[in-house]
Amino acid sequence: YISNIEKVSTKGLNRSTTLYVKLALGIEQALPDKTITLSNIYYDLGSAKIRADASSDLEKLVKFLKDNPGITIEIDSHTDSRGNAAGNLKLSQARAQEVVNYLQKNGISKNRLIPKGFGATRLVNGCKVGVKCTDAQHEQNRRTEFKVLNN
């Protein structure tokens, strides 16, 4: 199972402010061949660098892998439809490798991680070439997912 992690901040509040937080944390069963989207791992357009706002979901993945040392995962990264197909495929592979590098730096063996880039071949919305979309819609396609290969 993999659980949600949510961040809460008191930045900008004064000491006498009461902060109420409604938490709806859940768990998802990580079955073999089931794709699980890491919702907060996004990339800027044309970049393989993991944005700072991706850290909570990467921490969740590190914990999951440390709690399940016998599991091997495939890390699938994607691009939006802008740019050419060959460039997007190369970029998505670089994004998947960046996640592998992050996980390795946090104690996960490279032997348990298989990076795969899919370019813009698996869009999550209708933002294909020739369709006008907002930046936020394109951003949804620049994502990383993982799939358990064995357990």
C-alpha atoms as a PDB file:
ATOM      1  CA  TYR A   1       0.000   0.000   0.000  1.00  0.00           C
ATOM      2  CA  ILE A   2       1.087   3.555  -0.640  1.00  0.00           C
ATOM      3  CA  SER A   3      -0.349   6.401   1.402  1.00  0.00           C
ATOM      4  CA  ASN A   4      -0.989  10.059   0.726  1.00  0.00           C
ATOM      5  CA  ILE A   5       1.175  12.785   2.217  1.00  0.00           C
ATOM      6  CA  GLU A   6      -0.143  16.330   2.349  1.00  0.00           C
ATOM      7  CA  LYS A   7       1.682  19.464   3.436  1.00  0.00           C
ATOM      8  CA  VAL A   8       0.149  22.087   5.710  1.00  0.00           C
ATOM      9  CA  SER A   9       1.740  25.457   6.348  1.00  0.00           C
ATOM     10  CA  THR A  10       1.202  28.138   8.964  1.00  0.00           C
ATOM     11  CA  LYS A  11       3.312  30.607   6.988  1.00  0.00           C
ATOM     12  CA  GLY A  12       1.677  34.004   6.991  1.00  0.00           C
ATOM     13  CA  LEU A  13      -0.504  33.324  10.035  1.00  0.00           C
ATOM     14  CA  ASN A  14       0.050  35.039  13.368  1.00  0.00           C
ATOM     15  CA  ARG A  15       0.327  33.157  16.658  1.00  0.00           C
ATOM     16  CA  SER A  16      -3.284  33.733  17.680  1.00  0.00           C
ATOM     17  CA  THR A  17      -4.744  32.341  14.446  1.00  0.00           C
ATOM     18  CA  THR A  18      -6.382  28.950  14.720  1.00  0.00           C
ATOM     19  CA  LEU A  19      -5.734  26.693  11.770  1.00  0.00           C
ATOM     20  CA  TYR A  20      -8.310  24.054  10.906  1.00  0.00           C
ATOM     21  CA  VAL A  21      -7.324  21.379   8.440  1.00  0.00           C
ATOM     22  CA  LYS A  22      -9.624  18.771   6.992  1.00  0.00           C
ATOM     23  CA  LEU A  23      -7.555  15.736   6.143  1.00  0.00           C
ATOM     24  CA  ALA A  24      -8.742  13.138   3.691  1.00  0.00           C
ATOM     25  CA  LEU A  25      -5.755  10.876   3.504  1.00  0.00           C
ATOM     26  CA  GLY A  26      -6.113   7.530   1.879  1.00  0.00           C
ATOM     27  CA  ILE A  27      -4.139   4.511   0.889  1.00  0.00           C
ATOM     28  CA  GLU A  28      -3.891   2.823  -2.452  1.00  0.00           C
ATOM     29  CA  GLN A  29      -2.974  -0.795  -2.987  1.00  0.00           C
ATOM     30  CA  ALA A  30       0.098  -1.092  -5.196  1.00  0.00           C
ATOM     31  CA  LEU A  31      -0.633  -4.249  -7.153  1.00  0.00           C
ATOM     32  CA  PRO A  32       1.633  -5.604  -9.907  1.00  0.00           C
ATOM     33  CA  ASP A  33       1.041  -3.840 -13.260  1.00  0.00           C
ATOM     34  CA  LYS A  34      -1.245  -1.209 -11.668  1.00  0.00           C
ATOM     35  CA  THR A  35      -0.159   2.324 -12.624  1.00  0.00           C
ATOM     36  CA  ILE A  36      -0.122   4.823  -9.763  1.00  0.00           C
ATOM     37  CA  THR A  37       0.205   8.496 -10.612  1.00  0.00           C
ATOM     38  CA  LEU A  38       2.414  10.537  -8.339  1.00  0.00           C
ATOM     39  CA  SER A  39       0.242  13.614  -8.371  1.00  0.00           C
ATOM     40  CA  ASN A  40       2.779  16.240  -7.443  1.00  0.00           C
ATOM     41  CA  ILE A  41       5.739  15.388  -9.638  1.00  0.00           C
ATOM     42  CA  TYR A  42       5.543  17.943 -12.405  1.00  0.00           C
ATOM     43  CA  TYR A  43       8.118  19.466 -14.718  1.00  0.00           C
ATOM     44  CA  ASP A  44       8.436  22.806 -16.421  1.00  0.00           C
ATOM     45  CA  LEU A  45       8.018  22.886 -20.191  1.00  0.00           C
ATOM     46  CA  GLY A  46      11.117  21.431 -21.875  1.00  0.00           C
ATOM     47  CA  SER A  47      12.836  20.560 -18.588  1.00  0.00           C
ATOM     48  CA  ALA A  48      13.760  17.242 -16.972  1.00  0.00           C
ATOM     49  CA  LYS A  49      14.524  18.938 -13.643  1.00  0.00           C
ATOM     50  CA  ILE A  50      12.188  17.909 -10.830  1.00  0.00           C
ATOM     51  CA  ARG A  51      10.466  21.002  -9.436  1.00  0.00           C
ATOM     52  CA  ALA A  52      10.772  21.740  -5.716  1.00  0.00           C
ATOM     53  CA  ASP A  53       7.012  21.274  -5.257  1.00  0.00           C
ATOM     54  CA  ALA A  54       7.412  17.573  -6.146  1.00  0.00           C
ATOM     55  CA  SER A  55       9.203  16.595  -2.951  1.00  0.00           C
ATOM     56  CA  SER A  56       6.225  15.303  -0.940  1.00  0.00           C
ATOM     57  CA  ASP A  57       5.234  12.662  -3.486  1.00  0.00           C
ATOM     58  CA  LEU A  58       8.856  11.617  -3.939  1.00  0.00           C
ATOM     59  CA  GLU A  59       9.166  11.244  -0.155  1.00  0.00           C
ATOM     60  CA  LYS A  60       6.032   9.078  -0.267  1.00  0.00           C
ATOM     61  CA  LEU A  61       7.627   6.872  -2.947  1.00  0.00           C
ATOM     62  CA  VAL A  62      10.908   6.578  -0.990  1.00  0.00           C
ATOM     63  CA  LYS A  63       8.979   5.480   2.119  1.00  0.00           C
ATOM     64  CA  PHE A  64       6.939   2.975   0.109  1.00  0.00           C
ATOM     65  CA  LEU A  65      10.086   1.442  -1.403  1.00  0.00           C
ATOM     66  CA  LYS A  66      11.883   1.292   1.956  1.00  0.00           C
ATOM     67  CA  ASP A  67       8.821  -0.353   3.535  1.00  0.00           C
ATOM     68  CA  ASN A  68       8.696  -2.906   0.675  1.00  0.00           C
ATOM     69  CA  PRO A  69      12.332  -3.864  -0.038  1.00  0.00           C
ATOM     70  CA  GLY A  70      11.417  -6.737  -2.374  1.00  0.00           C
ATOM     71  CA  ILE A  71       9.537  -4.561  -4.861  1.00  0.00           C
ATOM     72  CA  THR A  72      10.884  -3.445  -8.236  1.00  0.00           C
ATOM     73  CA  ILE A  73       9.125  -0.572  -9.966  1.00  0.00           C
ATOM     74  CA  GLU A  74       8.928   0.935 -13.425  1.00  0.00           C
ATOM     75  CA  ILE A  75       9.009   4.725 -13.411  1.00  0.00           C
ATOM     76  CA  ASP A  76       7.021   6.139 -16.328  1.00  0.00           C
ATOM     77  CA  SER A  77       7.479   9.789 -17.303  1.00  0.00           C
ATOM     78  CA  HIS A  78       5.520  11.756 -19.873  1.00  0.00           C
ATOM     79  CA  THR A  79       5.582  15.068 -21.735  1.00  0.00           C
ATOM     80  CA  ASP A  80       2.863  17.273 -23.123  1.00  0.00           C
ATOM     81  CA  SER A  81       2.214  17.341 -26.864  1.00  0.00           C
ATOM     82  CA  ARG A  82       4.250  20.464 -27.624  1.00  0.00           C
ATOM     83  CA  GLY A  83       7.584  19.892 -29.337  1.00  0.00           C
ATOM     84  CA  ASN A  84       8.554  17.095 -31.704  1.00  0.00           C
ATOM     85  CA  ALA A  85       7.947  13.418 -30.970  1.00  0.00           C
ATOM     86  CA  ALA A  86      11.629  12.390 -30.868  1.00  0.00           C
ATOM     87  CA  GLY A  87      12.550  15.269 -28.578  1.00  0.00           C
ATOM     88  CA  ASN A  88       9.621  14.524 -26.269  1.00  0.00           C
ATOM     89  CA  LEU A  89      10.597  10.856 -26.049  1.00  0.00           C
ATOM     90  CA  LYS A  90      14.170  11.804 -25.095  1.00  0.00           C
ATOM     91  CA  LEU A  91      12.908  14.392 -22.578  1.00  0.00           C
ATOM     92  CA  SER A  92      10.520  11.950 -20.914  1.00  0.00           C
ATOM     93  CA  GLN A  93      13.317   9.374 -20.555  1.00  0.00           C
ATOM     94  CA  ALA A  94      15.478  12.056 -18.918  1.00  0.00           C
ATOM     95  CA  ARG A  95      12.602  12.842 -16.525  1.00  0.00           C
ATOM     96  CA  ALA A  96      12.249   9.193 -15.532  1.00  0.00           C
ATOM     97  CA  GLN A  97      16.013   9.041 -14.957  1.00  0.00           C
ATOM     98  CA  GLU A  98      15.839  12.138 -12.731  1.00  0.00           C
ATOM     99  CA  VAL A  99      13.355  10.305 -10.494  1.00  0.00           C
ATOM    100  CA  VAL A 100      15.693   7.284 -10.394  1.00  0.00           C
ATOM    101  CA  ASN A 101      18.561   9.592  -9.403  1.00  0.00           C
ATOM    102  CA  TYR A 102      16.448  11.132  -6.612  1.00  0.00           C
ATOM    103  CA  LEU A 103      15.442   7.715  -5.280  1.00  0.00           C
ATOM    104  CA  GLN A 104      19.056   6.484  -5.375  1.00  0.00           C
ATOM    105  CA  LYS A 105      20.201   9.542  -3.418  1.00  0.00           C
ATOM    106  CA  ASN A 106      17.611   8.554  -0.809  1.00  0.00           C
ATOM    107  CA  GLY A 107      18.849   4.993  -0.365  1.00  0.00           C
ATOM    108  CA  ILE A 108      16.919   3.016  -2.994  1.00  0.00           C
ATOM    109  CA  SER A 109      18.960   0.567  -5.077  1.00  0.00           C
ATOM    110  CA  LYS A 110      19.151   1.290  -8.805  1.00  0.00           C
ATOM    111  CA  ASN A 111      18.465  -2.423  -9.429  1.00  0.00           C
ATOM    112  CA  ARG A 112      14.876  -1.891  -8.222  1.00  0.00           C
ATOM    113  CA  LEU A 113      14.152   1.024 -10.563  1.00  0.00           C
ATOM    114  CA  ILE A 114      13.409   0.882 -14.295  1.00  0.00           C
ATOM    115  CA  PRO A 115      12.991   4.303 -15.947  1.00  0.00           C
ATOM    116  CA  LYS A 116      10.817   4.569 -19.078  1.00  0.00           C
ATOM    117  CA  GLY A 117       9.927   7.615 -21.117  1.00  0.00           C
ATOM    118  CA  PHE A 118       6.769   7.723 -23.197  1.00  0.00           C
ATOM    119  CA  GLY A 119       6.907  11.231 -24.664  1.00  0.00           C
ATOM    120  CA  ALA A 120       3.411  12.479 -25.520  1.00  0.00           C
ATOM    121  CA  THR A 121       2.029   9.032 -26.404  1.00  0.00           C
ATOM    122  CA  ARG A 122      -0.151   8.707 -23.279  1.00  0.00           C
ATOM    123  CA  LEU A 123      -1.874  12.044 -22.747  1.00  0.00           C
ATOM    124  CA  VAL A 124      -4.350  12.231 -19.832  1.00  0.00           C
ATOM    125  CA  ASN A 125      -6.542  14.789 -21.557  1.00  0.00           C
ATOM    126  CA  GLY A 126      -7.367  15.975 -25.076  1.00  0.00           C
ATOM    127  CA  CYS A 127      -4.372  18.307 -25.374  1.00  0.00           C
ATOM    128  CA  LYS A 128      -2.886  16.749 -28.499  1.00  0.00           C
ATOM    129  CA  VAL A 129      -1.153  18.584 -31.332  1.00  0.00           C
ATOM    130  CA  GLY A 130      -3.477  21.162 -32.889  1.00  0.00           C
ATOM    131  CA  VAL A 131      -5.810  21.406 -29.869  1.00  0.00           C
ATOM    132  CA  LYS A 132      -5.774  24.704 -27.978  1.00  0.00           C
ATOM    133  CA  CYS A 133      -5.179  24.067 -24.260  1.00  0.00           C
ATOM    134  CA  THR A 134      -4.222  26.116 -21.232  1.00  0.00           C
ATOM    135  CA  ASP A 135      -0.795  25.840 -19.629  1.00  0.00           C
ATOM    136  CA  ALA A 136      -2.423  24.051 -16.667  1.00  0.00           C
ATOM    137  CA  GLN A 137      -3.937  21.447 -19.000  1.00  0.00           C
ATOM    138  CA  HIS A 138      -0.593  20.850 -20.696  1.00  0.00           C
ATOM    139  CA  GLU A 139       1.059  20.578 -17.261  1.00  0.00           C
ATOM    140  CA  GLN A 140      -1.217  17.634 -16.385  1.00  0.00           C
ATOM    141  CA  ASN A 141       0.487  15.634 -19.132  1.00  0.00           C
ATOM    142  CA  ARG A 142       4.014  16.394 -17.869  1.00  0.00           C
ATOM    143  CA  ARG A 143       3.837  13.788 -15.137  1.00  0.00           C
ATOM    144  CA  THR A 144       5.474  10.735 -13.603  1.00  0.00           C
ATOM    145  CA  GLU A 145       3.777   7.493 -12.624  1.00  0.00           C
ATOM    146  CA  PHE A 146       5.042   4.212 -11.281  1.00  0.00           C
ATOM    147  CA  LYS A 147       4.045   0.611 -11.697  1.00  0.00           C
ATOM    148  CA  VAL A 148       4.974  -2.305  -9.432  1.00  0.00           C
ATOM    149  CA  LEU A 149       6.623  -5.044 -11.505  1.00  0.00           C
ATOM    150  CA  ASN A 150       6.930  -7.641  -8.750  1.00  0.00           C
ATOM    151  CA  ASN A 151       6.352  -8.055  -5.024  1.00  0.00           C
END
